[in-house]
Protein backbone atom coordinates (compact mmCIF):
# COMPACT_ATOMS: atom_id res chain seq x y z
CA LEU A 1 -20.08 -0.40 8.60
CA LEU A 2 -22.68 -1.53 10.94
CA THR A 3 -22.02 -4.98 10.69
CA LEU A 4 -18.83 -4.67 11.12
CA LEU A 5 -18.78 -2.46 13.80
CA ALA A 6 -22.24 -3.01 16.20
CA ASN A 7 -20.60 -6.22 18.28
CA THR A 8 -18.87 -6.15 21.44
CA GLY A 9 -16.09 -8.62 20.07
CA THR A 10 -14.78 -5.23 18.28
CA PRO A 11 -14.77 -2.98 20.90
CA THR A 12 -13.26 -6.06 23.57
CA ALA A 13 -10.24 -6.67 21.05
CA ASN A 14 -9.53 -2.76 20.46
CA VAL A 15 -9.74 -2.23 24.79
CA PHE A 16 -7.11 -5.20 25.12
CA GLY A 17 -5.00 -4.11 22.14
CA GLY A 18 -5.12 -0.83 22.79
CA GLN A 19 -4.43 -1.38 26.95
CA THR A 20 -1.30 -3.68 26.57
CA MET A 21 0.21 -0.37 24.36
CA ASN A 22 -1.10 2.46 27.73
CA ILE A 23 0.20 0.13 30.26
CA SER A 24 3.60 -1.05 27.88
CA SER A 25 4.53 2.60 27.60
CA ALA A 26 2.99 4.59 30.73
CA GLY A 27 2.95 1.48 32.62
CA PHE A 28 0.43 -0.07 34.92
CA ARG A 29 0.40 1.83 37.64
CA ASN A 30 -0.30 5.28 35.85
CA VAL A 31 -2.91 3.44 34.53
CA ALA A 32 -4.31 1.92 37.06
CA ARG A 33 -4.35 5.43 38.62
CA SER A 34 -6.09 6.56 35.88
CA HIS A 35 -9.45 4.41 36.40
CA ASN A 36 -9.18 5.77 40.45
CA MET A 37 -11.33 8.94 40.63
CA LYS A 38 -10.61 9.16 44.22
CA TRP A 39 -7.01 9.20 44.02
CA LEU A 40 -7.37 11.05 40.90
CA THR A 41 -9.66 14.02 43.13
CA LYS A 42 -7.05 13.80 46.51
CA ASN A 43 -3.89 14.16 44.42
CA VAL A 44 -4.22 15.30 40.95
CA LEU A 45 -8.28 17.56 41.32
CA LEU A 46 -7.56 19.37 44.33
CA ASP A 47 -4.23 21.12 45.83
CA LYS A 48 -3.72 20.74 49.80
CA GLU A 49 -6.12 23.43 49.86
CA GLY A 50 -8.85 21.62 48.79
CA LYS A 51 -9.47 23.94 45.85
CA PRO A 52 -9.97 22.59 42.24
CA THR A 53 -6.32 22.71 40.37
CA ILE A 54 -8.28 22.86 36.66
CA HIS A 55 -11.48 23.96 34.87
CA LEU A 56 -13.45 23.63 32.05
CA GLU A 57 -13.44 25.82 29.24
CA ASN A 58 -16.70 27.59 30.30
CA GLY A 59 -15.06 28.00 33.93
CA ASP A 60 -16.65 25.36 35.74
CA PRO A 61 -14.49 23.38 38.20
CA VAL A 62 -13.06 20.18 37.13
CA LYS A 63 -14.14 17.86 40.25
CA ASP A 64 -15.27 14.81 38.92
CA ARG A 65 -15.06 11.73 36.38
CA LYS A 66 -17.43 13.22 34.03
CA SER A 67 -15.80 17.01 34.15
CA LEU A 68 -12.76 15.12 34.11
CA TYR A 69 -13.27 13.64 30.95
CA LYS A 70 -14.85 16.67 29.20
CA TRP A 71 -11.32 18.82 30.36
CA ILE A 72 -9.89 15.46 28.74
CA ALA A 73 -11.64 16.16 25.72
CA GLU A 74 -11.21 19.65 25.28
CA GLN A 75 -7.21 19.31 25.20
CA GLY A 76 -7.38 17.62 21.74
CA ALA A 77 -7.60 13.98 23.07
CA ILE A 78 -10.42 12.59 20.69
CA ASP A 79 -9.30 12.97 17.23
CA SER A 80 -11.54 13.83 14.77
CA PHE A 81 -11.59 10.72 13.38
CA ILE A 82 -13.02 8.89 16.45
CA LYS A 83 -15.83 11.99 16.60
CA ASN A 84 -16.88 11.88 13.01
CA GLU A 85 -15.52 8.44 10.83
CA PHE A 86 -17.98 5.96 12.80
CA GLU A 87 -21.21 8.52 12.69
CA LEU A 88 -23.07 7.20 9.47
CA ASN A 89 -23.21 10.00 6.73
CA ASP A 90 -26.04 12.65 6.38
CA GLY A 91 -27.27 10.88 2.83
CA LEU A 92 -28.03 7.81 4.55
CA LYS A 93 -29.70 9.56 7.26
CA VAL A 94 -32.05 11.35 5.12
CA ASN A 95 -32.77 7.93 2.86
CA ILE A 96 -33.56 6.02 6.13
CA GLY A 97 -35.76 8.71 7.04
CA LYS A 98 -37.92 8.73 3.85
CA GLU A 99 -38.21 5.01 4.32
CA LYS A 100 -41.52 4.46 5.46
CA LEU A 101 -40.80 1.04 7.46
CA ALA A 102 -38.01 2.90 9.67
CA LYS A 103 -40.49 5.26 10.41
CA ARG A 104 -43.73 3.23 11.66
CA TYR A 105 -41.11 0.78 13.04
CA GLY A 106 -39.09 3.81 14.85
CA VAL A 107 -35.76 1.61 14.17
CA SER A 108 -34.25 4.80 12.02
CA ASP A 109 -32.58 6.59 14.59
CA LEU A 110 -32.02 3.37 16.64
CA MET A 111 -29.76 2.52 14.14
CA LEU A 112 -28.28 6.11 13.44
CA ARG A 113 -27.24 6.04 17.18
CA VAL A 114 -25.85 2.72 18.38
CA GLY A 115 -24.65 1.23 14.77
CA GLY A 116 -21.12 3.38 15.78
CA SER A 117 -21.54 3.42 19.43
CA PHE A 118 -19.36 -0.04 20.30
CA MET A 119 -16.27 1.50 18.07
CA GLN A 120 -16.44 4.84 19.14
CA GLY A 121 -17.32 4.47 23.16
CA SER A 122 -14.10 2.04 22.98
CA GLU A 123 -11.47 5.07 20.46
CA ARG A 124 -13.02 7.60 23.16
CA TYR A 125 -12.58 5.36 26.59
CA LEU A 126 -8.90 4.42 25.45
CA ARG A 127 -7.82 7.90 24.63
CA THR A 128 -8.88 9.38 27.27
CA ILE A 129 -6.97 6.56 29.58
CA SER A 130 -3.97 6.74 27.31
CA PHE A 131 -4.13 10.30 28.03
CA MET A 132 -4.57 10.45 31.49
CA SER A 133 -1.71 7.75 32.05
CA HIS A 134 1.06 9.88 29.76
CA ALA A 135 -0.04 12.74 31.97
CA LEU A 136 0.96 11.09 35.24
CA GLN A 137 3.82 10.02 33.67
CA ALA A 138 5.01 13.14 32.84
CA LYS A 139 4.49 14.28 36.25
CA ASP A 140 6.54 11.41 37.77
CA ALA A 141 9.27 12.12 36.32
CA PHE A 142 9.77 15.36 38.21
CA GLY A 143 9.69 13.26 41.29
CA LYS A 144 8.42 14.91 44.29
CA HIS A 145 8.28 18.22 42.65
CA GLY A 146 5.73 16.66 40.28
CA ALA A 147 2.86 16.93 42.67
CA ASP A 148 3.08 20.74 42.45
CA ILE A 149 2.79 20.55 38.64
CA LYS A 150 -0.90 21.34 37.33
CA LEU A 151 -2.35 18.83 35.33
CA ASP A 152 -3.11 22.05 32.54
CA ASP A 153 0.63 22.98 32.44
CA PRO A 154 1.27 22.89 28.37
CA TYR A 155 4.32 20.16 29.08
CA VAL A 156 1.74 17.41 30.83
CA VAL A 157 -1.17 18.20 27.89
CA ASP A 158 1.70 17.59 25.47
CA MET A 159 2.57 14.55 27.09
CA GLY A 160 -0.34 13.29 27.25
CA LEU A 161 -1.55 13.94 23.27
CA LYS A 162 1.86 12.35 22.80
CA GLY A 163 1.02 9.17 24.53
CA ILE A 164 -1.59 9.06 22.42
CA GLU A 165 0.09 9.58 19.39
CA ASN A 166 1.83 6.21 20.10
CA THR A 167 -0.04 4.65 21.16
CA GLN A 168 -3.61 4.69 20.11
CA TYR A 169 -2.00 6.18 17.08
CA LEU A 170 -3.95 9.02 14.79
CA TYR A 171 -6.09 8.56 11.51
CA HIS A 172 -6.82 12.11 10.51
CA SER A 173 -5.26 13.12 7.31
CA ALA A 174 -2.45 15.78 8.56
CA PHE A 175 -1.09 11.54 9.94
CA ARG A 176 -1.32 10.09 7.15
CA PRO A 177 0.66 9.37 3.90
CA ALA A 178 0.38 11.65 0.97
CA PHE A 179 -1.25 8.90 -0.73
CA MET A 180 -3.63 7.42 1.83
CA ARG A 181 -5.04 11.23 2.03
CA THR A 182 -6.83 10.95 -2.05
CA SER A 183 -10.14 9.71 -2.27
CA LEU A 184 -8.53 7.01 -4.07
CA GLY A 185 -6.00 6.35 -1.80
CA LYS A 186 -8.43 6.45 1.54
CA VAL A 187 -10.67 3.08 -0.76
CA LEU A 188 -7.33 1.18 -1.36
CA THR A 189 -5.82 1.32 2.29
CA ARG A 190 -8.94 0.94 4.29
CA PHE A 191 -7.52 -0.49 7.47
CA LYS A 192 -4.19 -0.92 6.78
CA LEU A 193 -3.37 2.34 8.13
CA PHE A 194 -3.55 0.45 11.66
CA ALA A 195 -1.01 -2.36 10.82
CA PHE A 196 1.39 0.11 9.36
CA GLN A 197 1.34 2.26 12.11
CA SER A 198 1.27 -0.56 14.99
CA VAL A 199 4.63 -2.28 12.76
CA ARG A 200 5.93 1.63 12.61
CA ILE A 201 5.58 1.93 16.99
CA ARG A 202 6.90 -1.32 17.22
CA LYS A 203 10.23 -0.69 15.19
CA GLU A 204 10.85 2.89 17.00
CA TYR A 205 10.19 0.87 20.48
CA TYR A 206 12.95 -1.39 19.52
CA LYS A 207 15.18 1.78 17.73
CA MET A 208 15.13 3.29 21.02
CA ALA A 209 16.67 0.33 23.24
CA LYS A 210 19.04 -0.41 20.86
CA GLN A 211 20.67 3.28 21.02
CA MET A 212 20.35 2.72 24.98
CA ASN A 213 22.80 -0.34 24.17
CA PHE A 214 19.86 -2.53 25.54
CA GLN A 215 20.45 -1.06 28.67
CA ASP A 216 18.06 -2.90 31.74
CA ASP A 217 17.69 0.55 33.15
CA ALA A 218 17.20 2.57 31.20
CA GLU A 219 13.44 3.90 30.05
CA ALA A 220 13.42 3.05 26.59
CA MET A 221 14.75 -0.98 27.02
CA LYS A 222 11.95 -0.90 30.34
CA LYS A 223 9.03 0.36 27.82
CA PHE A 224 10.49 -1.82 24.79
CA LYS A 225 10.41 -5.30 27.14
CA ASN A 226 6.85 -4.31 28.59
CA LEU A 227 5.38 -4.01 24.95
CA MET A 228 7.34 -7.68 23.76
CA THR A 229 6.60 -9.45 27.26
CA ALA A 230 2.80 -8.46 26.10
CA ASP A 231 3.14 -9.19 22.54
CA LEU A 232 4.35 -12.39 22.85
CA LEU A 233 2.31 -13.69 25.52
CA THR A 234 -0.66 -12.97 23.17
CA LEU A 235 0.76 -14.55 20.59
CA ALA A 236 1.48 -17.62 22.48
CA LEU A 237 -2.27 -17.68 23.89
CA GLY A 238 -3.38 -16.80 20.35
CA SER A 239 -1.51 -19.87 19.21
CA ILE A 240 -3.37 -22.23 22.02
CA TYR A 241 -6.42 -20.58 21.46
CA LYS A 242 -7.50 -20.51 17.66
CA TYR A 243 -10.20 -17.50 17.30
CA SER A 244 -10.04 -16.79 21.13
CA LEU A 245 -9.68 -12.77 22.39
CA PHE A 246 -5.57 -13.25 22.09
CA ASP A 247 -5.88 -14.76 18.69
CA THR A 248 -8.35 -12.22 17.32
CA ALA A 249 -6.35 -8.88 18.79
CA LEU A 250 -3.05 -10.06 17.79
CA PRO A 251 -1.26 -7.16 16.59
CA PRO A 252 0.79 -6.49 13.08
CA PRO A 253 3.26 -8.08 12.39
CA TRP A 254 2.86 -10.95 14.80
CA ASP A 255 -0.65 -11.84 13.48
CA TRP A 256 1.29 -12.02 10.14
CA ALA A 257 3.93 -14.31 11.39
CA GLN A 258 1.21 -16.39 12.97
CA GLU A 259 -0.25 -16.65 9.35
CA THR A 260 2.83 -17.84 8.34
CA GLY A 261 3.56 -20.44 10.30
CA GLU A 262 0.09 -21.55 9.28
CA TRP A 263 0.80 -21.37 5.98
CA LEU A 264 4.04 -22.91 5.83
CA PHE A 265 3.78 -25.88 8.52
CA GLY A 266 0.02 -25.95 9.11
CA THR A 267 -2.32 -29.21 7.66
CA LYS A 268 -4.04 -29.02 4.91
CA ARG A 269 -6.98 -27.14 6.00
CA ASP A 270 -4.67 -24.54 7.77
CA LYS A 271 -2.94 -23.65 4.85
CA GLU A 272 -5.92 -23.03 2.75
CA ARG A 273 -7.44 -20.70 5.21
CA ALA A 274 -4.27 -18.55 6.56
CA PHE A 275 -4.26 -15.23 5.57
CA PHE A 276 -8.18 -15.27 5.79
CA GLY A 277 -8.29 -17.47 2.55
CA THR A 278 -8.64 -14.58 0.72
CA TYR A 279 -6.00 -16.12 -1.80
CA PRO A 280 -5.16 -19.57 -3.53
CA TYR A 281 -2.61 -21.10 -0.96
CA PRO A 282 0.75 -20.74 -2.53
CA LEU A 283 -0.53 -16.86 -2.82
CA ALA A 284 -1.65 -16.34 0.25
CA PRO A 285 0.98 -13.92 2.15
CA LEU A 286 -0.30 -11.45 -0.59
CA GLN A 287 -3.49 -10.57 1.51
CA VAL A 288 -0.98 -8.71 3.86
CA ILE A 289 -0.54 -5.94 0.98
CA THR A 290 -3.94 -6.02 -0.78
CA PRO A 291 -6.39 -3.46 -0.35
CA PRO A 292 -10.02 -4.21 0.93
CA VAL A 293 -11.54 -2.96 -2.33
CA THR A 294 -10.02 -6.15 -4.43
CA ARG A 295 -11.80 -8.44 -1.80
CA VAL A 296 -14.56 -9.44 -4.20
CA PRO A 297 -12.39 -9.73 -7.77
CA MET A 298 -10.25 -11.93 -5.60
CA ALA A 299 -13.09 -14.04 -4.61
CA ILE A 300 -13.56 -14.51 -8.09
CA PHE A 301 -9.75 -14.94 -8.72
CA SER A 302 -9.26 -17.74 -6.41
CA ALA A 303 -12.71 -19.55 -7.01
CA ALA A 304 -11.96 -19.94 -10.82
CA LEU A 305 -8.72 -21.06 -9.90
CA ASN A 306 -9.27 -23.44 -7.62
CA ASN A 307 -13.14 -24.83 -9.10
CA ASP A 308 -14.66 -24.06 -6.10
CA TRP A 309 -17.15 -21.82 -5.91
CA ASP A 310 -19.48 -23.31 -2.53
CA ARG A 311 -17.76 -20.06 -0.45
CA PHE A 312 -17.39 -17.24 -3.36
CA MET A 313 -21.36 -18.19 -3.36
CA ASP A 314 -21.67 -18.20 0.45
């Protein structure tokens, strides 16, 4: 977990992909305003008389970025998965505490605190901005009357939470298919749920645009065009600049399409490395549906089939 998450590349790609979804859904203006504390204070947090419009659960007024983010968290914007899944478990905490070297050099607390902070911090940021931008979008839907609707209005809060669900996805058990909720299912489908959600939301955007007969002035069509434009631009840049941010942050199903192109039409080396080189060349696309738990057995299978054990031994 630490080697995967404790690096700057993971949250950078996460923020890039997450903000693409936010902008496609809520619009660039609302995402930009969600970062502009001066605008938010004047137009959202204070009324015409300069009095606070929303308060924290303890009664304190929301008047700055810190208290606003705390209020958003109190509305349920931060998924329990983000709060708990990236934190190291108690068993590891206890065992690290027992190690003499860890105590002597003071690395135990640092490991536990920093280990999941990269991914956790980026997820908290994305969900906060997603909630705020979709809440502003909900207010805008009422035109000039939207200025009189407070941020804590149940409808506005609900739209903010739905915005998170549609753009950042939810990962706790209630939003997993039945098999994925089991212990075996969690092991077999680790990291696959994001891929399924990514494909699903793009399918839904297409279906909504189709229901409106792809009319340019329809809100559903605008969202579909924004998302497809961003996806195709990322795909193009990822194809030009290999191993760049655009390549690593390319979401499914577009990364599958890119890998399929290399698998079918690439050089011999490209074909061997397609779909992360998990399987031998003819079977490479099976990586899409292969659970992470089978990586070691599949590496042995691939090495035996190709009579090449160097990569496995490395």
